[in-house]
Amino acid sequence: MTQETHRDESLLGLLKGVEKFSHKVFQENKPLFDELAGSQSPHTLFITCADSRVVPEMITQTEPGELFVCRNVGNIVPAYGEMMGGVSAVVEYAVTVLKVSNVVICGHTDCGAMKGLLNPDSTKDLPTVEAWLRNAQAAKSTVFARKVDDADILQATIEENVRLQLDHIRTHPSVRASNQITLQGWVYNIGDGSVTVLDEHENRFVPLAAAIKRENHA
């Protein structure tokens, strides 16, 4: 029999969590936070979904100061000029000011945004979400044109959306002007903790081991 862990879902629970961080976690890592107190120099812009199950620092095993994180519904990057706002500002700042070396766009399994894209009736009472998901519409169209089996259509759309958002981010002037930046697309599997990586030369998602091997020989 497994013992259920009690989870405090109240605001008080959050405050107690902050208290634990301030008194324990922060103090144990104080040299790092002292170093970060006056500036940041992240190496990677990590664009992913707002889904609560996706935790970039946990997945990548990075420390504070390493990732500049942008989260939104569906890990979307509107093409430049289409929807100027927070995501465009994050990209511009990360590339131009922080001079990140890498950009990762990370989708994930069981993505509610992609489910909404595939089932428009589910977003008819969510006009803002509906408008936002238009930035992923081309991914759906591409998958439907390929006549993917129904059982595979969600995963195919998740992957195609990552491809599409990589195309979109390349339209941003700051990214176009940089010849030092590496772009990569990932899909995180919530169920087993694995990550597949888009191999743009072969136009397919490959296991992590294959991506690591390629990077080692780059």
Protein backbone atom coordinates (compact mmCIF):
# COMPACT_ATOMS: atom_id res chain seq x y z
CA MET A 1 0.00 0.00 0.00
CA THR A 2 1.36 3.39 -0.95
CA GLN A 3 1.08 6.25 1.48
CA GLU A 4 -0.51 9.37 0.05
CA THR A 5 1.51 12.55 0.51
CA HIS A 6 -0.50 15.37 1.99
CA ARG A 7 -0.30 18.43 -0.25
CA ASP A 8 -1.18 21.83 1.14
CA GLU A 9 -2.94 23.63 -1.73
CA SER A 10 -3.70 26.79 0.24
CA LEU A 11 -2.02 30.17 -0.05
CA LEU A 12 -0.66 29.52 3.42
CA GLY A 13 1.06 26.45 2.02
CA LEU A 14 2.81 28.62 -0.56
CA LEU A 15 3.91 31.08 2.10
CA LYS A 16 5.31 28.26 4.20
CA GLY A 17 7.17 27.03 1.15
CA VAL A 18 8.77 30.46 0.76
CA GLU A 19 9.68 30.40 4.43
CA LYS A 20 11.43 27.05 3.97
CA PHE A 21 13.26 28.38 0.91
CA SER A 22 14.41 31.56 2.67
CA HIS A 23 15.57 29.81 5.85
CA LYS A 24 17.00 26.60 4.39
CA VAL A 25 17.45 26.34 0.62
CA PHE A 26 18.65 29.92 0.12
CA GLN A 27 21.09 29.70 3.01
CA GLU A 28 22.51 26.41 1.72
CA ASN A 29 23.14 28.04 -1.67
CA LYS A 30 24.01 31.52 -0.47
CA PRO A 31 27.32 31.85 -2.40
CA LEU A 32 25.45 31.22 -5.65
CA PHE A 33 22.70 33.71 -4.83
CA ASP A 34 25.29 36.29 -3.71
CA GLU A 35 26.90 35.95 -7.14
CA LEU A 36 23.55 36.36 -8.90
CA ALA A 37 22.33 39.28 -6.78
CA GLY A 38 23.67 41.97 -9.10
CA SER A 39 23.51 40.45 -12.57
CA GLN A 40 22.53 37.46 -14.68
CA SER A 41 24.24 35.70 -17.56
CA PRO A 42 22.06 32.78 -18.65
CA HIS A 43 23.35 30.62 -21.47
CA THR A 44 19.97 29.44 -22.77
CA LEU A 45 16.56 30.89 -23.56
CA PHE A 46 14.14 28.08 -22.71
CA ILE A 47 10.66 28.53 -24.20
CA THR A 48 8.12 26.03 -22.96
CA CYS A 49 4.50 25.53 -22.00
CA ALA A 50 2.89 26.97 -18.88
CA ASP A 51 1.80 23.44 -17.96
CA SER A 52 2.45 22.86 -14.25
CA ARG A 53 4.02 19.47 -14.95
CA VAL A 54 6.87 20.94 -16.98
CA VAL A 55 9.69 22.24 -14.77
CA PRO A 56 12.61 23.42 -16.96
CA GLU A 57 15.27 23.58 -14.24
CA MET A 58 14.36 20.12 -12.97
CA ILE A 59 14.32 18.59 -16.46
CA THR A 60 17.67 20.12 -17.45
CA GLN A 61 19.24 19.88 -13.98
CA THR A 62 20.36 23.50 -14.14
CA GLU A 63 20.87 26.02 -11.35
CA PRO A 64 19.44 29.53 -10.91
CA GLY A 65 21.02 31.91 -13.41
CA GLU A 66 21.49 29.37 -16.21
CA LEU A 67 18.11 29.49 -17.97
CA PHE A 68 16.13 32.51 -19.12
CA VAL A 69 12.65 30.97 -19.14
CA CYS A 70 9.60 31.99 -21.15
CA ARG A 71 6.41 30.04 -20.49
CA ASN A 72 3.07 30.34 -22.23
CA VAL A 73 0.15 28.21 -23.38
CA GLY A 74 1.47 25.84 -26.03
CA ASN A 75 5.13 26.99 -26.06
CA ILE A 76 4.26 29.39 -28.84
CA VAL A 77 6.44 32.07 -30.44
CA PRO A 78 4.35 34.25 -32.75
CA ALA A 79 6.09 35.14 -35.99
CA TYR A 80 7.64 38.60 -35.77
CA GLY A 81 5.04 41.31 -36.25
CA GLU A 82 2.08 38.96 -35.87
CA MET A 83 1.47 39.48 -32.15
CA MET A 84 3.98 41.84 -30.58
CA GLY A 85 4.02 41.27 -26.85
CA GLY A 86 5.67 39.43 -24.03
CA VAL A 87 7.17 36.57 -26.03
CA SER A 88 8.67 38.90 -28.64
CA ALA A 89 10.13 41.05 -25.87
CA VAL A 90 11.64 38.00 -24.15
CA VAL A 91 13.28 36.82 -27.38
CA GLU A 92 14.67 40.27 -28.18
CA TYR A 93 16.02 40.82 -24.66
CA ALA A 94 17.51 37.33 -24.33
CA VAL A 95 19.32 37.48 -27.66
CA THR A 96 20.30 41.15 -27.84
CA VAL A 97 21.01 42.04 -24.21
CA LEU A 98 21.73 38.76 -22.44
CA LYS A 99 23.36 37.27 -25.54
CA VAL A 100 22.24 33.72 -24.87
CA SER A 101 24.04 31.04 -26.85
CA ASN A 102 21.11 28.65 -27.17
CA VAL A 103 17.35 28.72 -27.64
CA VAL A 104 15.31 25.62 -26.81
CA ILE A 105 11.63 25.37 -27.67
CA CYS A 106 10.20 22.53 -25.60
CA GLY A 107 6.81 20.96 -26.16
CA HIS A 108 5.43 18.12 -24.06
CA THR A 109 3.12 15.14 -24.14
CA ASP A 110 -0.55 15.45 -23.14
CA CYS A 111 -0.47 19.14 -24.09
CA GLY A 112 -3.79 20.83 -23.35
CA ALA A 113 -3.07 23.60 -25.84
CA MET A 114 -2.59 21.12 -28.68
CA LYS A 115 -5.74 19.26 -27.58
CA GLY A 116 -7.57 22.57 -27.82
CA LEU A 117 -6.10 23.20 -31.26
CA LEU A 118 -7.35 19.83 -32.44
CA ASN A 119 -10.79 20.28 -30.82
CA PRO A 120 -11.94 23.89 -31.46
CA ASP A 121 -15.23 23.35 -29.62
CA SER A 122 -13.27 23.02 -26.39
CA THR A 123 -12.01 26.62 -26.68
CA LYS A 124 -15.15 28.33 -27.95
CA ASP A 125 -15.70 29.93 -24.52
CA LEU A 126 -12.04 30.91 -24.25
CA PRO A 127 -11.64 33.68 -26.84
CA THR A 128 -8.15 34.70 -25.72
CA VAL A 129 -6.88 31.13 -25.83
CA GLU A 130 -8.56 30.63 -29.18
CA ALA A 131 -6.85 33.70 -30.63
CA TRP A 132 -3.48 32.66 -29.19
CA LEU A 133 -3.72 29.17 -30.69
CA ARG A 134 -4.03 30.65 -34.18
CA ASN A 135 -0.24 30.92 -33.94
CA ALA A 136 -0.15 27.12 -34.03
CA GLN A 137 -2.83 26.57 -36.68
CA ALA A 138 -0.29 25.78 -39.40
CA ALA A 139 0.97 22.83 -37.33
CA LYS A 140 -2.51 21.33 -37.28
CA SER A 141 -2.91 21.90 -41.02
CA THR A 142 0.39 20.17 -41.75
CA VAL A 143 -0.52 17.14 -39.64
CA PHE A 144 -3.95 16.84 -41.24
CA ALA A 145 -2.38 17.06 -44.70
CA ARG A 146 -0.16 14.09 -43.80
CA LYS A 147 -3.26 12.05 -42.88
CA VAL A 148 -1.82 10.85 -39.59
CA ASP A 149 -3.63 8.01 -37.78
CA ASP A 150 -6.05 9.21 -35.11
CA ALA A 151 -4.06 7.46 -32.38
CA ASP A 152 -0.94 9.42 -33.29
CA ILE A 153 -2.46 12.77 -34.15
CA LEU A 154 -1.88 14.51 -30.80
CA GLN A 155 1.79 13.54 -30.64
CA ALA A 156 2.28 14.50 -34.28
CA THR A 157 0.71 17.91 -33.62
CA ILE A 158 2.87 18.46 -30.53
CA GLU A 159 5.98 17.74 -32.60
CA GLU A 160 4.85 19.77 -35.59
CA ASN A 161 4.10 22.73 -33.33
CA VAL A 162 7.70 22.69 -32.09
CA ARG A 163 8.89 22.76 -35.71
CA LEU A 164 6.53 25.63 -36.47
CA GLN A 165 7.60 27.72 -33.50
CA LEU A 166 11.27 27.25 -34.49
CA ASP A 167 10.32 28.65 -37.91
CA HIS A 168 8.55 31.55 -36.20
CA ILE A 169 11.46 32.46 -33.95
CA ARG A 170 13.74 32.63 -36.97
CA THR A 171 11.63 35.54 -38.25
CA HIS A 172 12.63 37.70 -35.27
CA PRO A 173 15.26 40.30 -36.26
CA SER A 174 17.42 39.66 -33.20
CA VAL A 175 17.63 35.96 -34.03
CA ARG A 176 18.20 36.57 -37.73
CA ALA A 177 21.04 38.98 -36.94
CA SER A 178 22.85 36.52 -34.68
CA ASN A 179 25.21 33.96 -36.15
CA GLN A 180 26.27 32.67 -32.73
CA ILE A 181 22.98 31.22 -31.55
CA THR A 182 21.91 27.57 -31.63
CA LEU A 183 18.21 26.71 -31.94
CA GLN A 184 16.80 23.36 -30.90
CA GLY A 185 13.37 21.77 -30.48
CA TRP A 186 12.51 19.26 -27.77
CA VAL A 187 9.49 17.24 -26.68
CA TYR A 188 9.35 16.22 -23.02
CA ASN A 189 7.46 13.04 -22.17
CA ILE A 190 5.68 13.63 -18.86
CA GLY A 191 4.94 9.95 -18.39
CA ASP A 192 8.48 8.59 -18.52
CA GLY A 193 10.75 11.62 -18.10
CA SER A 194 12.38 11.24 -21.51
CA VAL A 195 13.13 14.00 -24.00
CA THR A 196 13.28 13.65 -27.77
CA VAL A 197 15.19 16.22 -29.81
CA LEU A 198 14.42 17.52 -33.30
CA ASP A 199 17.13 16.56 -35.76
CA GLU A 200 16.55 19.23 -38.39
CA HIS A 201 18.86 17.53 -40.89
CA GLU A 202 16.66 14.44 -40.88
CA ASN A 203 13.47 16.33 -39.93
CA ARG A 204 12.55 13.91 -37.19
CA PHE A 205 12.65 13.71 -33.42
CA VAL A 206 15.42 11.45 -32.16
CA PRO A 207 16.13 9.92 -28.74
CA LEU A 208 18.22 11.96 -26.32
CA ALA A 209 21.21 9.60 -26.66
CA ALA A 210 21.37 10.23 -30.41
CA ALA A 211 21.19 14.00 -29.88
CA ILE A 212 23.99 13.87 -27.29
CA LYS A 213 26.13 11.80 -29.67
CA ARG A 214 25.58 14.33 -32.45
CA GLU A 215 26.51 17.25 -30.17
CA ASN A 216 29.66 15.43 -29.00
CA HIS A 217 30.78 15.12 -32.61
CA ALA A 218 29.73 18.60 -33.72
